[in-house]
Amino acid sequence: MRAHKIDVQLNTDAPEPPLTIEAKEALYRIGLEAIQNTIKHASATRIELSLRTENGYVWLEVKDNGQGFDPAAKFSGHFGLQSMRERAEQFEGLFKIESKPNNGTVVRVRMPVNGD
């Protein structure tokens, strides 16, 4: 992220989450969209990525120190947040976004691990 002058910190407890390949791809796409949104809109200088497995779930968190926004606001022609939510829900996951103007943004996703 050097080109964007954003410091990235990665925290993970396992090299690969115990998910189906389809769920892994969805989680990857959600994380990518969250990072792209930070680059495009947040004016952030730091992103913290966290991936962990806990109590039968895989958790992804993407947190930035950017300008934040009102998550309840509607952004005409922008479907990224809705797309992230739909990807998580497709795998019985939970999608949550927390943000306030001038206070950064946190995207959290929880997906159940494989049942097998």
Protein backbone atom coordinates (compact mmCIF):
# COMPACT_ATOMS: atom_id res chain seq x y z
CA MET A 1 0.00 0.00 0.00
CA ARG A 2 3.07 2.16 -0.29
CA ALA A 3 1.69 3.91 -3.39
CA HIS A 4 -1.29 5.10 -1.34
CA LYS A 5 0.81 5.96 1.73
CA ILE A 6 -1.25 3.65 3.90
CA ASP A 7 0.36 1.53 6.62
CA VAL A 8 -1.17 -1.96 6.78
CA GLN A 9 -1.07 -4.22 9.81
CA LEU A 10 -2.11 -7.88 9.53
CA ASN A 11 -3.10 -9.96 12.55
CA THR A 12 -4.04 -13.60 12.07
CA ASP A 13 -4.13 -16.75 14.18
CA ALA A 14 -4.03 -19.23 11.30
CA PRO A 15 -2.61 -19.30 7.78
CA GLU A 16 -5.89 -20.37 6.19
CA PRO A 17 -9.42 -20.22 7.60
CA PRO A 18 -11.39 -23.51 7.81
CA LEU A 19 -13.99 -22.54 5.18
CA THR A 20 -15.15 -23.94 1.86
CA ILE A 21 -13.36 -22.52 -1.17
CA GLU A 22 -16.51 -20.56 -2.03
CA ALA A 23 -16.74 -19.03 1.44
CA LYS A 24 -13.03 -18.19 1.35
CA GLU A 25 -13.53 -16.38 -1.95
CA ALA A 26 -16.48 -14.45 -0.53
CA LEU A 27 -14.44 -13.46 2.52
CA TYR A 28 -11.55 -12.41 0.26
CA ARG A 29 -13.89 -10.29 -1.89
CA ILE A 30 -15.38 -8.62 1.18
CA GLY A 31 -11.93 -7.77 2.51
CA LEU A 32 -10.81 -6.48 -0.89
CA GLU A 33 -13.89 -4.27 -1.22
CA ALA A 34 -13.36 -2.88 2.29
CA ILE A 35 -9.72 -2.04 1.47
CA GLN A 36 -10.66 -0.49 -1.87
CA ASN A 37 -13.31 1.65 -0.14
CA THR A 38 -10.68 2.83 2.33
CA ILE A 39 -8.31 3.77 -0.48
CA LYS A 40 -11.00 5.56 -2.52
CA HIS A 41 -12.99 7.34 0.17
CA ALA A 42 -11.42 7.37 3.63
CA SER A 43 -8.23 9.45 3.37
CA ALA A 44 -6.80 6.94 5.84
CA THR A 45 -3.16 6.46 6.75
CA ARG A 46 -3.61 3.06 8.44
CA ILE A 47 -5.53 -0.16 7.85
CA GLU A 48 -5.64 -3.02 10.35
CA LEU A 49 -6.66 -6.42 8.98
CA SER A 50 -7.55 -9.14 11.44
CA LEU A 51 -8.45 -12.74 10.56
CA ARG A 52 -9.08 -15.24 13.33
CA THR A 53 -10.99 -18.39 14.13
CA GLU A 54 -12.93 -18.41 17.38
CA ASN A 55 -15.84 -20.42 18.81
CA GLY A 56 -16.76 -22.06 15.51
CA TYR A 57 -16.55 -18.89 13.43
CA VAL A 58 -14.06 -17.15 11.19
CA TRP A 59 -13.88 -13.42 11.89
CA LEU A 60 -12.58 -10.81 9.45
CA GLU A 61 -12.12 -7.23 10.58
CA VAL A 62 -10.93 -4.34 8.42
CA LYS A 63 -10.38 -1.17 10.42
CA ASP A 64 -9.12 2.19 9.19
CA ASN A 65 -8.32 5.55 10.74
CA GLY A 66 -9.95 7.54 7.93
CA GLN A 67 -12.60 10.20 7.82
CA GLY A 68 -15.51 7.81 8.40
CA PHE A 69 -19.06 8.27 7.17
CA ASP A 70 -22.68 7.70 8.11
CA PRO A 71 -23.41 4.02 7.30
CA ALA A 72 -27.15 4.75 7.18
CA ALA A 73 -26.68 7.25 4.34
CA LYS A 74 -27.59 6.19 0.81
CA PHE A 75 -24.92 6.56 -1.87
CA SER A 76 -26.49 6.57 -5.32
CA GLY A 77 -24.74 4.23 -7.75
CA HIS A 78 -22.57 2.63 -5.04
CA PHE A 79 -23.26 -1.02 -4.25
CA GLY A 80 -20.11 -2.06 -2.38
CA LEU A 81 -21.58 -2.20 1.12
CA GLN A 82 -24.65 -4.09 -0.07
CA SER A 83 -22.44 -6.48 -2.05
CA MET A 84 -20.32 -7.21 1.04
CA ARG A 85 -23.44 -7.88 3.12
CA GLU A 86 -24.90 -10.22 0.48
CA ARG A 87 -21.64 -12.17 0.17
CA ALA A 88 -21.52 -12.74 3.93
CA GLU A 89 -25.19 -13.71 4.17
CA GLN A 90 -24.79 -16.17 1.28
CA PHE A 91 -22.70 -18.29 3.67
CA GLU A 92 -24.87 -17.73 6.76
CA GLY A 93 -22.47 -15.01 7.83
CA LEU A 94 -22.95 -11.74 9.63
CA PHE A 95 -21.82 -8.39 8.21
CA LYS A 96 -21.53 -5.28 10.35
CA ILE A 97 -20.10 -1.86 9.65
CA GLU A 98 -19.35 0.79 12.25
CA SER A 99 -18.38 4.29 11.26
CA LYS A 100 -18.88 7.90 12.23
CA PRO A 101 -17.74 11.02 10.43
CA ASN A 102 -14.14 11.87 11.46
CA ASN A 103 -13.82 8.59 13.38
CA GLY A 104 -12.72 5.86 10.96
CA THR A 105 -14.55 2.73 9.85
CA VAL A 106 -14.63 -0.88 11.00
CA VAL A 107 -16.00 -3.67 8.78
CA ARG A 108 -16.66 -6.94 10.63
CA VAL A 109 -17.63 -10.25 9.07
CA ARG A 110 -18.38 -13.50 10.88
CA MET A 111 -18.77 -16.79 8.99
CA PRO A 112 -19.37 -20.25 10.45
CA VAL A 113 -16.55 -22.74 9.91
CA ASN A 114 -17.10 -25.87 7.82
CA GLY A 115 -19.45 -28.34 9.39
CA ASP A 116 -17.38 -31.33 8.33
